[in-house]
Amino acid sequence: MNLKKYIAELKRRNVFKPAIAYLVVAWLITEVASIVLPTFGAPPFIMKTLIFSLIIGFPLYLIIAWVYEFTPKGIKKTENTEVTASLSPKSKQWFNKNIKKLAVLPFRNISTENDSNYFSDGLTEEIIMRLSGIKELEIASRNTSMRYRNSDLDIESLGKELKAKYILQGTVRKHKDDLRISTELIDVEKDSELWAEIYSGKMADVFAIQEKVSKKILKSLQLKLTPKEKVAISESSTMNSEAFDTYLKAREFLYRYTKSYLLLAIDLFQSAIDLDPEYAAAYAGMSEAYAMLYETHDKKLSWLEKAEESALKALIYDPNSSEAYGALGLAYYNKNSLNEALIAVQKAISFDPDNFFAYWIRGRLYRMKDRDSEAVIDFNKVLELNADFHSAYGDLQMSYEKLKDKENLEDTIQRAVLFYPNYLLHQPQDARAHQFYAFTLERLGRRKEAKEEMRKGIEINPYDLIIVYNAACFYALIGDKKASIENLKNAIDNGFGNFEYIKHDPDLYSLQEEPDFIALLQGK
C-alpha cells in the first residue's frame, strides 16, 4: 500500500476537514449530554448508547465524505464533481485542466566531477527550449524552474507553486566522455509516474537523448504537433557535443563579470566556435562578454567592435537568436546609440519573452531616457525571471531614488538584504555580490557589517578594476576619503579609463573638492 498516494487521495476527496468537524461536534454533543441527561434523571444506558452511536457513526461519515462531496448544486459523487463547484477550497485545482503545463526541474548533478553543475543546468535549459515552441504545451520558464534546484517541497507543493500539471525531473552523471541521464515524468494531480527512463551513452549522444526525452514527453501528453513543430523539436543549436560542453562552461563564467572571468568566457566561446564555426549561441555569448568587458573594465574600442561583430555573426547563423539581439543591444548601449539599442532588445524580447538579460538592458535604457517608471517594471521582471541576477537590485534602488518612491525603495533594500546572505552561502566567491551586499547594509546603517563585506569582496579579487573601483565608491560614501582615493588611484593606474563616468558618479561627489581627486582627473 502506497501511504503517500492514499493520503493525497484523502486530501483530494476532502475527507480530513469533515473528519475533524465530526469529532468536534461529537465532543460537544457528549459534553452537553453529560450535563443535561443527569439533570432530567435519564438512565445511564442512554449516555452509553449515545457515545456508542457517535463512535459507530464516525467511519460511516468518513465513507460518505470519501464518496460524496457537497456542492452548490447539491451532493454529488466526488469523481463527478467539477473542480470549481466544490464548497471546500482544498478541492480547487491550482491549474487549468484545459491547459497542459509542464515544469522541468533542474536535473540533479550526481557526477563525481565537481564542476559538472554547468552541464546538468545546461541540459535542463536545452530541454525547456526544445519544448517551449509547442503551442499546445505551456512550460515554466528556465529561470523559474532553476529556483527549485535544491527544493525540499513534495510533488504536490511543487505543482501548486509552479501551477504545473506535469513535472519532469531527473539526474545526470557525467564522467569524462560517459553520460548517464535518468528522467521521470510525473502527473501532479494523480501523484503518479507517467514514465521513467534511463539513457546511457557518450557525450556525442547528448543531442539524441535531448530529442528522445522531448518526444517522449509530447507522446505521453498526447500532443499533436504541426509540421513546423516536428522540425523544431529535432533541431539543435549545434551538433558538436564538445562545442556544446565548452559553450555551457563559458556561460557559467559569463555573469560573474570580473575581468578574469570575462576573458575566460571569451576564450571558451572561441573554443566552441573553433569546434563549430556556425555556432550562433557561442557568437552571441562572446558578443555579450566583449560588451561587458568594455563597459565594466576598460574602454578599448576594439572590445566594442568585437561585440558588435560577434552579435551580427550570430544573427547570420540564427536570425531569430534572442541572445544575439540582447548582446547587440548592450553593444549599442555602450556606443550611446540608444534608439538602436532599444530596437535590438525589443527584438530580443519578442523572440524570447523570458530573456532576463534583454529586460535588464532595456531597463537601463529607460533609465538613461529618464523613463524610470518603465525601468522599474523591467528591473522587477529581471528578478522575477532570474532571482540570482543581483545587479538588478542596485538598478532598482537607483530608479526608485530618482522617482522619490521611498516605499518601494525601502522594500527593494529589504528584499536585497534578505537575498544576499543566502546567495553568498552558495556563491561565496562572487566578489561583486559581497560588494553589493556591503552597499545594501550601509543603506540600512549597518556599517560594521558593510565594511566586512566590502573587505571580503576586495580580498577575493584585489586586482580586478571594477572591484577596486566599487571599493572607491563605497569608501567615499562612508566618508573614508583617503581609502576611497587610494582605491580610485589603483583602479586608474591599472587601466580604468572611464573618466567621464568618474566625474559624474554620484557615489564620488564627496571627493570633488579634494586636491588628490582633482589631481587624479587632471593627470589622466
Protein backbone atom coordinates (compact mmCIF):
# COMPACT_ATOMS: atom_id res chain seq x y z
CA MET A 1 0.00 0.00 0.00
CA ASN A 2 1.36 3.43 -1.01
CA LEU A 3 0.65 5.54 2.07
CA LYS A 4 1.69 8.78 0.35
CA LYS A 5 -0.73 8.25 -2.52
CA TYR A 6 -3.51 7.24 -0.08
CA ILE A 7 -3.06 10.45 1.93
CA ALA A 8 -3.03 12.50 -1.28
CA GLU A 9 -6.33 10.87 -2.31
CA LEU A 10 -7.84 11.63 1.10
CA LYS A 11 -6.89 15.28 0.58
CA ARG A 12 -8.34 15.33 -2.93
CA ARG A 13 -11.64 13.92 -1.68
CA ASN A 14 -11.75 16.43 1.21
CA VAL A 15 -12.01 13.76 3.92
CA PHE A 16 -9.81 15.43 6.54
CA LYS A 17 -11.90 18.53 7.23
CA PRO A 18 -15.23 16.66 7.60
CA ALA A 19 -13.50 14.14 9.90
CA ILE A 20 -12.21 16.91 12.17
CA ALA A 21 -15.61 18.63 12.11
CA TYR A 22 -17.35 15.37 13.08
CA LEU A 23 -15.01 14.82 16.04
CA VAL A 24 -15.51 18.39 17.29
CA VAL A 25 -19.31 18.13 17.04
CA ALA A 26 -19.31 14.68 18.68
CA TRP A 27 -17.26 16.01 21.58
CA LEU A 28 -19.67 18.94 22.03
CA ILE A 29 -22.69 16.62 21.99
CA THR A 30 -21.05 14.36 24.59
CA GLU A 31 -20.18 17.32 26.84
CA VAL A 32 -23.70 18.77 26.64
CA ALA A 33 -25.31 15.34 27.19
CA SER A 34 -23.15 14.66 30.26
CA ILE A 35 -24.63 17.80 31.85
CA VAL A 36 -28.22 17.69 30.59
CA LEU A 37 -29.13 13.96 30.90
CA PRO A 38 -28.44 13.66 34.69
CA THR A 39 -30.49 16.83 35.22
CA PHE A 40 -33.57 15.08 33.81
CA GLY A 41 -32.86 11.82 35.58
CA ALA A 42 -32.09 9.87 32.39
CA PRO A 43 -30.88 6.29 32.97
CA PRO A 44 -27.08 5.68 32.38
CA PHE A 45 -27.63 3.41 29.36
CA ILE A 46 -28.85 6.43 27.30
CA MET A 47 -25.46 8.13 27.66
CA LYS A 48 -23.69 4.89 26.75
CA THR A 49 -25.94 4.42 23.72
CA LEU A 50 -25.25 7.99 22.57
CA ILE A 51 -21.46 7.55 22.81
CA PHE A 52 -21.65 4.17 21.07
CA SER A 53 -23.75 5.70 18.25
CA LEU A 54 -21.25 8.51 17.76
CA ILE A 55 -18.37 6.03 17.59
CA ILE A 56 -20.21 3.82 15.06
CA GLY A 57 -21.23 6.88 13.04
CA PHE A 58 -17.65 8.11 12.58
CA PRO A 59 -16.48 5.52 9.98
CA LEU A 60 -19.86 5.74 8.22
CA TYR A 61 -19.44 9.51 7.97
CA LEU A 62 -15.92 9.07 6.56
CA ILE A 63 -17.25 6.73 3.87
CA ILE A 64 -19.86 9.30 2.89
CA ALA A 65 -17.15 12.04 2.79
CA TRP A 66 -14.99 9.77 0.62
CA VAL A 67 -17.72 9.02 -1.90
CA TYR A 68 -19.66 12.28 -1.95
CA GLU A 69 -18.95 16.00 -1.90
CA PHE A 70 -21.21 18.91 -1.08
CA THR A 71 -21.52 21.49 -3.87
CA PRO A 72 -23.79 24.48 -4.57
CA LYS A 73 -25.72 22.13 -6.91
CA GLY A 74 -26.28 19.52 -4.23
CA ILE A 75 -24.50 16.36 -3.14
CA LYS A 76 -22.51 14.69 -5.90
CA LYS A 77 -20.08 11.84 -6.18
CA THR A 78 -16.54 13.14 -5.73
CA GLU A 79 -15.30 11.74 -9.04
CA ASN A 80 -18.08 13.60 -10.90
CA THR A 81 -17.73 16.89 -9.07
CA GLU A 82 -16.50 19.82 -11.13
CA VAL A 83 -13.31 21.34 -9.75
CA THR A 84 -14.73 24.83 -9.30
CA ALA A 85 -18.07 23.63 -7.89
CA SER A 86 -16.83 22.32 -4.55
CA LEU A 87 -17.60 24.27 -1.40
CA SER A 88 -14.21 23.24 0.01
CA PRO A 89 -11.22 25.42 -1.06
CA LYS A 90 -8.98 22.36 -0.82
CA SER A 91 -10.73 20.69 -3.74
CA LYS A 92 -9.95 23.55 -6.13
CA GLN A 93 -7.18 22.89 -8.63
CA TRP A 94 -4.28 25.33 -8.95
CA PHE A 95 -4.05 24.75 -12.69
CA ASN A 96 -6.44 24.97 -15.61
CA LYS A 97 -7.41 21.45 -16.66
CA ASN A 98 -7.71 22.60 -20.25
CA ILE A 99 -4.05 23.69 -20.37
CA LYS A 100 -1.20 21.21 -20.25
CA LYS A 101 1.54 22.92 -18.28
CA LEU A 102 4.89 21.29 -17.67
CA ALA A 103 7.71 22.29 -15.32
CA VAL A 104 11.17 20.88 -15.98
CA LEU A 105 13.03 20.85 -12.67
CA PRO A 106 16.83 21.30 -12.70
CA PHE A 107 18.42 17.94 -13.39
CA ARG A 108 20.34 16.88 -10.28
CA ASN A 109 24.07 16.51 -10.80
CA ILE A 110 25.34 13.22 -9.34
CA SER A 111 28.65 13.30 -11.17
CA THR A 112 31.96 12.75 -9.46
CA GLU A 113 33.26 15.82 -11.30
CA ASN A 114 32.77 18.85 -9.05
CA ASP A 115 32.36 21.28 -11.95
CA SER A 116 29.57 19.42 -13.72
CA ASN A 117 26.65 21.57 -12.48
CA TYR A 118 27.07 23.70 -15.57
CA PHE A 119 26.28 20.63 -17.69
CA SER A 120 23.20 19.44 -15.78
CA ASP A 121 21.83 23.01 -15.80
CA GLY A 122 22.57 23.33 -19.49
CA LEU A 123 20.81 20.06 -20.25
CA THR A 124 17.74 21.27 -18.33
CA GLU A 125 17.66 24.52 -20.29
CA GLU A 126 18.07 22.78 -23.65
CA ILE A 127 15.06 20.52 -22.99
CA ILE A 128 12.99 23.53 -21.92
CA MET A 129 13.97 25.42 -25.07
CA ARG A 130 13.05 22.46 -27.30
CA LEU A 131 9.60 22.23 -25.72
CA SER A 132 8.87 25.95 -25.43
CA GLY A 133 7.88 26.24 -29.08
CA ILE A 134 4.99 23.75 -28.78
CA LYS A 135 1.73 25.72 -28.85
CA GLU A 136 -0.37 23.09 -27.06
CA LEU A 137 2.10 22.92 -24.18
CA GLU A 138 2.65 25.66 -21.62
CA ILE A 139 6.06 25.35 -19.99
CA ALA A 140 7.56 27.07 -16.95
CA SER A 141 10.47 29.31 -17.93
CA ARG A 142 14.00 28.02 -17.42
CA ASN A 143 14.77 30.72 -14.88
CA THR A 144 11.63 29.91 -12.87
CA SER A 145 12.49 26.21 -12.88
CA MET A 146 16.07 26.87 -11.75
CA ARG A 147 14.80 28.32 -8.47
CA TYR A 148 13.81 24.82 -7.38
CA ARG A 149 17.25 23.22 -7.77
CA ASN A 150 17.54 22.10 -4.13
CA SER A 151 13.88 22.31 -3.15
CA ASP A 152 12.56 20.05 -0.37
CA LEU A 153 8.95 20.51 -1.46
CA ASP A 154 6.90 17.44 -2.34
CA ILE A 155 5.49 16.99 -5.84
CA GLU A 156 2.05 18.36 -4.96
CA SER A 157 3.54 21.52 -3.43
CA LEU A 158 5.89 21.99 -6.38
CA GLY A 159 3.00 21.64 -8.78
CA LYS A 160 1.00 24.17 -6.80
CA GLU A 161 3.82 26.74 -6.70
CA LEU A 162 4.62 26.30 -10.40
CA LYS A 163 0.92 25.92 -11.37
CA ALA A 164 2.01 22.88 -13.34
CA LYS A 165 0.02 19.72 -14.09
CA TYR A 166 3.16 17.78 -15.03
CA ILE A 167 6.72 17.78 -13.70
CA LEU A 168 9.83 16.37 -15.33
CA GLN A 169 12.77 15.63 -13.06
CA GLY A 170 15.98 13.70 -13.49
CA THR A 171 19.64 13.16 -12.70
CA VAL A 172 22.83 13.49 -14.71
CA ARG A 173 26.00 11.51 -14.22
CA LYS A 174 28.90 12.69 -16.38
CA HIS A 175 32.38 11.21 -16.21
CA LYS A 176 34.80 12.25 -18.93
CA ASP A 177 33.06 11.10 -22.15
CA ASP A 178 30.50 8.84 -20.46
CA LEU A 179 26.98 10.06 -19.86
CA ARG A 180 24.04 8.62 -17.90
CA ILE A 181 20.77 10.54 -17.70
CA SER A 182 17.67 9.36 -15.82
CA THR A 183 14.30 11.03 -16.34
CA GLU A 184 10.86 10.79 -14.76
CA LEU A 185 7.61 12.44 -15.86
CA ILE A 186 5.02 12.87 -13.10
CA ASP A 187 1.31 13.67 -13.24
CA VAL A 188 0.98 16.03 -10.27
CA GLU A 189 -2.81 15.72 -9.91
CA LYS A 190 -2.68 11.93 -9.67
CA ASP A 191 0.73 11.88 -7.97
CA SER A 192 1.67 9.12 -10.37
CA GLU A 193 4.62 8.41 -12.62
CA LEU A 194 3.72 8.55 -16.31
CA TRP A 195 7.07 7.09 -17.31
CA ALA A 196 10.68 6.83 -16.21
CA GLU A 197 13.68 6.02 -18.34
CA ILE A 198 17.47 5.86 -18.14
CA TYR A 199 19.65 6.87 -21.08
CA SER A 200 23.30 5.86 -21.24
CA GLY A 201 25.85 6.79 -23.85
CA LYS A 202 28.72 9.05 -24.78
CA MET A 203 28.82 12.85 -24.88
CA ALA A 204 28.21 12.64 -28.61
CA ASP A 205 24.77 11.15 -27.82
CA VAL A 206 23.61 14.13 -25.75
CA PHE A 207 21.54 15.70 -28.56
CA ALA A 208 19.85 12.42 -29.41
CA ILE A 209 18.97 12.00 -25.72
CA GLN A 210 17.51 15.52 -25.53
CA GLU A 211 15.38 14.79 -28.58
CA LYS A 212 14.22 11.41 -27.22
CA VAL A 213 13.19 12.92 -23.87
CA SER A 214 11.32 15.78 -25.57
CA LYS A 215 9.46 13.44 -27.93
CA LYS A 216 8.61 11.04 -25.11
CA ILE A 217 7.04 13.89 -23.12
CA LEU A 218 4.97 15.03 -26.09
CA LYS A 219 3.81 11.47 -26.79
CA SER A 220 2.85 10.90 -23.13
CA LEU A 221 0.80 14.10 -23.08
CA GLN A 222 -0.82 13.15 -26.41
CA LEU A 223 0.06 16.44 -28.08
CA LYS A 224 -0.38 16.88 -31.82
CA LEU A 225 2.50 18.73 -33.47
CA THR A 226 2.41 20.87 -36.58
CA PRO A 227 4.99 20.04 -39.28
CA LYS A 228 6.99 23.10 -38.21
CA GLU A 229 6.97 21.98 -34.55
CA LYS A 230 8.12 18.49 -35.55
CA VAL A 231 11.15 20.01 -37.26
CA ALA A 232 11.85 22.39 -34.34
CA ILE A 233 11.82 19.61 -31.72
CA SER A 234 14.65 17.88 -33.59
CA GLU A 235 16.76 21.00 -34.11
CA SER A 236 19.79 21.86 -32.01
CA SER A 237 21.97 24.96 -31.85
CA THR A 238 24.97 22.71 -32.60
CA MET A 239 25.52 19.06 -33.36
CA ASN A 240 29.06 19.11 -31.95
CA SER A 241 28.89 17.74 -28.40
CA GLU A 242 32.33 19.10 -27.47
CA ALA A 243 31.36 22.57 -28.67
CA PHE A 244 28.12 22.32 -26.66
CA ASP A 245 30.01 21.33 -23.49
CA THR A 246 32.53 24.16 -23.96
CA TYR A 247 29.72 26.66 -24.55
CA LEU A 248 28.00 25.65 -21.30
CA LYS A 249 31.26 26.14 -19.38
CA ALA A 250 31.62 29.63 -20.88
CA ARG A 251 28.07 30.55 -19.85
CA GLU A 252 28.84 29.58 -16.26
CA PHE A 253 31.58 32.23 -16.07
CA LEU A 254 29.88 34.94 -18.11
CA TYR A 255 27.75 36.60 -15.43
CA ARG A 256 30.48 36.82 -12.81
CA TYR A 257 31.63 39.94 -14.66
CA THR A 258 35.15 40.21 -13.26
CA LYS A 259 37.76 40.77 -15.95
CA SER A 260 39.45 37.41 -15.47
CA TYR A 261 36.14 35.53 -15.78
CA LEU A 262 35.03 37.54 -18.82
CA LEU A 263 38.33 36.80 -20.58
CA LEU A 264 37.99 33.13 -19.65
CA ALA A 265 34.44 33.08 -21.02
CA ILE A 266 35.65 34.66 -24.28
CA ASP A 267 38.36 32.02 -24.65
CA LEU A 268 35.81 29.25 -24.08
CA PHE A 269 33.30 30.75 -26.51
CA GLN A 270 36.09 30.98 -29.09
CA SER A 271 36.95 27.32 -28.48
CA ALA A 272 33.31 26.39 -29.07
CA ILE A 273 33.33 28.40 -32.32
CA ASP A 274 36.56 26.71 -33.42
CA LEU A 275 34.78 23.38 -32.99
CA ASP A 276 31.64 24.61 -34.77
CA PRO A 277 32.18 27.79 -36.87
CA GLU A 278 28.40 28.23 -37.29
CA TYR A 279 27.52 28.05 -33.59
CA ALA A 280 25.24 31.10 -33.24
CA ALA A 281 24.79 30.83 -29.48
CA ALA A 282 28.56 30.89 -28.93
CA TYR A 283 28.91 34.04 -31.05
CA ALA A 284 26.08 35.66 -29.04
CA GLY A 285 27.78 34.78 -25.75
CA MET A 286 31.10 36.13 -26.98
CA SER A 287 29.41 39.38 -28.02
CA GLU A 288 27.94 39.79 -24.55
CA ALA A 289 31.32 39.13 -22.89
CA TYR A 290 33.13 41.67 -25.09
CA ALA A 291 30.45 44.32 -24.43
CA MET A 292 30.65 43.77 -20.66
CA LEU A 293 34.46 43.89 -20.83
CA TYR A 294 34.19 47.32 -22.46
CA GLU A 295 31.54 48.58 -20.07
CA THR A 296 32.97 47.44 -16.76
CA HIS A 297 36.74 47.29 -17.22
CA ASP A 298 38.37 49.40 -19.92
CA LYS A 299 37.14 51.47 -22.82
CA LYS A 300 39.05 49.79 -25.65
CA LEU A 301 37.05 50.40 -28.79
CA SER A 302 38.27 47.06 -30.08
CA TRP A 303 36.16 45.29 -27.40
CA LEU A 304 33.06 47.11 -28.59
CA GLU A 305 33.82 46.43 -32.24
CA LYS A 306 34.25 42.72 -31.50
CA ALA A 307 30.99 42.72 -29.51
CA GLU A 308 29.04 44.14 -32.44
CA GLU A 309 30.79 41.88 -34.96
CA SER A 310 30.11 38.72 -32.91
CA ALA A 311 26.42 39.57 -32.44
CA LEU A 312 25.96 40.13 -36.18
CA LYS A 313 27.70 36.83 -36.94
CA ALA A 314 25.31 35.08 -34.55
CA LEU A 315 22.36 36.58 -36.43
CA ILE A 316 23.74 35.33 -39.74
CA TYR A 317 23.58 31.75 -38.46
CA ASP A 318 20.39 32.22 -36.41
CA PRO A 319 18.28 35.26 -37.41
CA ASN A 320 15.89 34.57 -34.51
CA SER A 321 18.53 34.48 -31.78
CA SER A 322 17.20 36.36 -28.76
CA GLU A 323 20.64 36.18 -27.09
CA ALA A 324 22.30 37.78 -30.12
CA TYR A 325 19.82 40.69 -30.19
CA GLY A 326 20.28 41.19 -26.44
CA ALA A 327 24.08 41.28 -26.82
CA LEU A 328 23.76 43.68 -29.76
CA GLY A 329 21.59 45.90 -27.58
CA LEU A 330 24.34 46.02 -24.96
CA ALA A 331 26.93 46.92 -27.61
CA TYR A 332 24.74 49.76 -28.95
CA TYR A 333 24.04 50.90 -25.38
CA ASN A 334 27.78 51.33 -24.82
CA LYS A 335 28.14 53.13 -28.15
CA ASN A 336 25.48 55.54 -26.86
CA SER A 337 23.26 54.57 -29.81
CA LEU A 338 20.26 54.37 -27.53
CA ASN A 339 17.50 54.12 -30.15
CA GLU A 340 19.29 51.30 -31.98
CA ALA A 341 19.90 49.57 -28.65
CA LEU A 342 16.20 49.78 -27.77
CA ILE A 343 15.18 48.29 -31.12
CA ALA A 344 17.64 45.41 -30.61
CA VAL A 345 16.42 44.49 -27.11
CA GLN A 346 12.79 44.77 -28.17
CA LYS A 347 13.63 42.20 -30.84
CA ALA A 348 15.33 40.02 -28.22
CA ILE A 349 12.23 40.07 -26.01
CA SER A 350 9.91 39.34 -28.94
CA PHE A 351 11.89 36.16 -29.74
CA ASP A 352 12.17 35.11 -26.09
CA PRO A 353 9.85 36.77 -23.53
CA ASP A 354 11.92 35.14 -20.76
CA ASN A 355 15.24 36.73 -21.77
CA PHE A 356 16.04 38.43 -18.44
CA PHE A 357 19.23 39.99 -19.82
CA ALA A 358 17.27 41.86 -22.53
CA TYR A 359 14.88 43.25 -19.90
CA TRP A 360 17.91 44.39 -17.88
CA ILE A 361 19.39 46.28 -20.83
CA ARG A 362 16.01 47.81 -21.68
CA GLY A 363 15.55 48.93 -18.08
CA ARG A 364 18.91 50.69 -18.18
CA LEU A 365 18.00 52.31 -21.49
CA TYR A 366 14.74 53.57 -20.00
CA ARG A 367 16.67 54.99 -17.05
CA MET A 368 19.03 56.86 -19.37
CA LYS A 369 15.98 58.26 -21.19
CA ASP A 370 14.51 59.41 -17.83
CA ARG A 371 11.74 56.82 -18.12
CA ASP A 372 12.34 55.37 -14.67
CA SER A 373 8.71 54.38 -14.10
CA GLU A 374 9.13 51.95 -17.03
CA ALA A 375 12.64 50.97 -15.95
CA VAL A 376 11.47 49.63 -12.57
CA ILE A 377 8.97 47.35 -14.32
CA ASP A 378 11.80 45.81 -16.34
CA PHE A 379 14.18 45.50 -13.37
CA ASN A 380 11.50 43.74 -11.35
CA LYS A 381 10.90 41.47 -14.35
CA VAL A 382 14.61 40.61 -14.35
CA LEU A 383 14.43 39.43 -10.73
CA GLU A 384 11.22 37.54 -11.44
CA LEU A 385 12.91 35.65 -14.29
CA ASN A 386 16.32 35.22 -12.69
CA ALA A 387 16.38 35.82 -8.94
CA ASP A 388 20.18 35.37 -8.83
CA PHE A 389 20.91 38.26 -11.22
CA HIS A 390 21.53 40.60 -8.32
CA SER A 391 22.71 43.61 -10.37
CA ALA A 392 19.02 44.45 -10.79
CA TYR A 393 18.69 45.25 -7.07
CA GLY A 394 21.13 48.14 -7.43
CA ASP A 395 19.40 49.36 -10.59
CA LEU A 396 16.02 49.27 -8.87
CA GLN A 397 17.32 51.26 -5.95
CA MET A 398 18.72 53.97 -8.25
CA SER A 399 15.45 54.24 -10.19
CA TYR A 400 13.28 54.38 -7.07
CA GLU A 401 15.57 57.06 -5.64
CA LYS A 402 15.16 59.09 -8.82
CA LEU A 403 11.39 58.64 -8.67
CA LYS A 404 11.47 59.60 -4.96
CA ASP A 405 9.47 56.45 -4.28
CA LYS A 406 10.55 55.84 -0.69
CA GLU A 407 8.16 52.97 -0.05
CA ASN A 408 9.38 50.83 -2.97
CA LEU A 409 12.97 51.86 -2.33
CA GLU A 410 12.75 50.56 1.22
CA ASP A 411 11.03 47.39 0.02
CA THR A 412 13.82 46.77 -2.53
CA ILE A 413 16.52 47.29 0.11
CA GLN A 414 14.77 44.80 2.40
CA ARG A 415 14.48 42.27 -0.45
CA ALA A 416 18.16 42.68 -1.20
CA VAL A 417 19.29 42.28 2.39
CA LEU A 418 17.33 39.02 2.59
CA PHE A 419 18.68 37.80 -0.75
CA TYR A 420 22.43 38.27 -0.37
CA PRO A 421 23.19 36.06 2.68
CA ASN A 422 21.56 33.02 1.07
CA TYR A 423 23.11 33.74 -2.33
CA LEU A 424 26.60 34.17 -0.85
CA LEU A 425 26.17 30.95 1.10
CA HIS A 426 26.04 29.15 -2.26
CA GLN A 427 28.30 31.54 -4.20
CA PRO A 428 30.93 32.67 -1.65
CA GLN A 429 33.45 33.62 -4.35
CA ASP A 430 31.22 36.21 -6.04
CA ALA A 431 33.21 39.33 -5.18
CA ARG A 432 30.66 41.72 -6.72
CA ALA A 433 27.87 40.20 -4.63
CA HIS A 434 29.86 40.84 -1.42
CA GLN A 435 30.30 44.45 -2.52
CA PHE A 436 26.66 44.98 -3.47
CA TYR A 437 25.68 43.47 -0.14
CA ALA A 438 28.01 45.98 1.53
CA PHE A 439 26.24 48.90 -0.18
CA THR A 440 22.85 47.49 0.92
CA LEU A 441 23.98 47.10 4.54
CA GLU A 442 25.33 50.65 4.54
CA ARG A 443 21.92 51.92 3.42
CA LEU A 444 20.46 50.21 6.50
CA GLY A 445 23.04 51.81 8.81
CA ARG A 446 24.85 48.52 9.47
CA ARG A 447 28.28 49.96 8.74
CA LYS A 448 30.42 47.46 10.60
CA GLU A 449 28.90 44.57 8.66
CA ALA A 450 29.08 46.59 5.44
CA LYS A 451 32.81 47.19 5.84
CA GLU A 452 33.38 43.48 6.47
CA GLU A 453 31.51 42.51 3.28
CA MET A 454 33.46 45.07 1.28
CA ARG A 455 36.71 43.68 2.69
CA LYS A 456 35.70 40.17 1.61
CA GLY A 457 34.89 41.35 -1.91
CA ILE A 458 38.27 43.06 -2.32
CA GLU A 459 40.12 40.11 -0.81
CA ILE A 460 38.57 37.67 -3.30
CA ASN A 461 39.60 39.68 -6.36
CA PRO A 462 42.01 42.51 -5.41
CA TYR A 463 43.32 43.10 -8.94
CA ASP A 464 40.03 43.40 -10.79
CA LEU A 465 39.42 47.01 -11.82
CA ILE A 466 35.65 47.05 -11.27
CA ILE A 467 36.10 45.55 -7.80
CA VAL A 468 38.67 48.21 -6.89
CA TYR A 469 36.50 50.99 -8.36
CA ASN A 470 33.46 49.78 -6.40
CA ALA A 471 35.61 49.90 -3.25
CA ALA A 472 36.48 53.53 -4.01
CA CYS A 473 32.77 54.35 -4.29
CA PHE A 474 31.96 52.59 -1.04
CA TYR A 475 34.65 54.33 1.00
CA ALA A 476 33.61 57.69 -0.44
CA LEU A 477 30.03 57.05 0.69
CA ILE A 478 31.05 56.23 4.26
CA GLY A 479 33.36 59.27 4.46
CA ASP A 480 36.72 57.50 4.32
CA LYS A 481 38.15 59.79 1.63
CA LYS A 482 41.71 58.56 1.98
CA ALA A 483 40.78 54.92 1.34
CA SER A 484 38.49 55.98 -1.49
CA ILE A 485 41.18 57.94 -3.32
CA GLU A 486 43.75 55.17 -2.79
CA ASN A 487 41.43 52.63 -4.42
CA LEU A 488 40.48 55.03 -7.20
CA LYS A 489 44.16 55.71 -7.95
CA ASN A 490 44.81 51.98 -8.00
CA ALA A 491 41.96 51.45 -10.48
CA ILE A 492 43.15 54.28 -12.78
CA ASP A 493 46.82 53.21 -12.63
CA ASN A 494 45.81 49.74 -13.73
CA GLY A 495 43.69 50.79 -16.69
CA PHE A 496 40.29 52.09 -15.50
CA GLY A 497 39.91 54.90 -18.01
CA ASN A 498 36.25 55.98 -17.91
CA PHE A 499 36.95 59.47 -16.60
CA GLU A 500 33.61 60.92 -17.68
CA TYR A 501 31.88 58.30 -15.57
CA ILE A 502 34.15 59.09 -12.60
CA LYS A 503 33.34 62.81 -12.88
CA HIS A 504 29.58 62.21 -12.82
CA ASP A 505 29.38 59.24 -10.46
CA PRO A 506 27.17 60.41 -7.53
CA ASP A 507 28.97 57.97 -5.21
CA LEU A 508 32.12 60.09 -5.60
CA TYR A 509 30.53 63.53 -5.18
CA SER A 510 32.09 63.90 -1.72
CA LEU A 511 35.58 63.84 -3.33
CA GLN A 512 35.07 66.58 -5.88
CA GLU A 513 36.76 69.27 -3.75
CA GLU A 514 39.63 67.02 -2.69
CA PRO A 515 43.01 68.06 -4.20
CA ASP A 516 44.11 64.42 -4.69
CA PHE A 517 40.89 63.63 -6.56
CA ILE A 518 41.28 66.69 -8.81
CA ALA A 519 44.90 65.73 -9.47
CA LEU A 520 43.87 62.20 -10.45
CA LEU A 521 41.46 63.51 -13.07
CA GLN A 522 43.90 66.13 -14.36
CA GLY A 523 46.65 63.57 -14.70
CA LYS A 524 44.62 61.33 -16.99
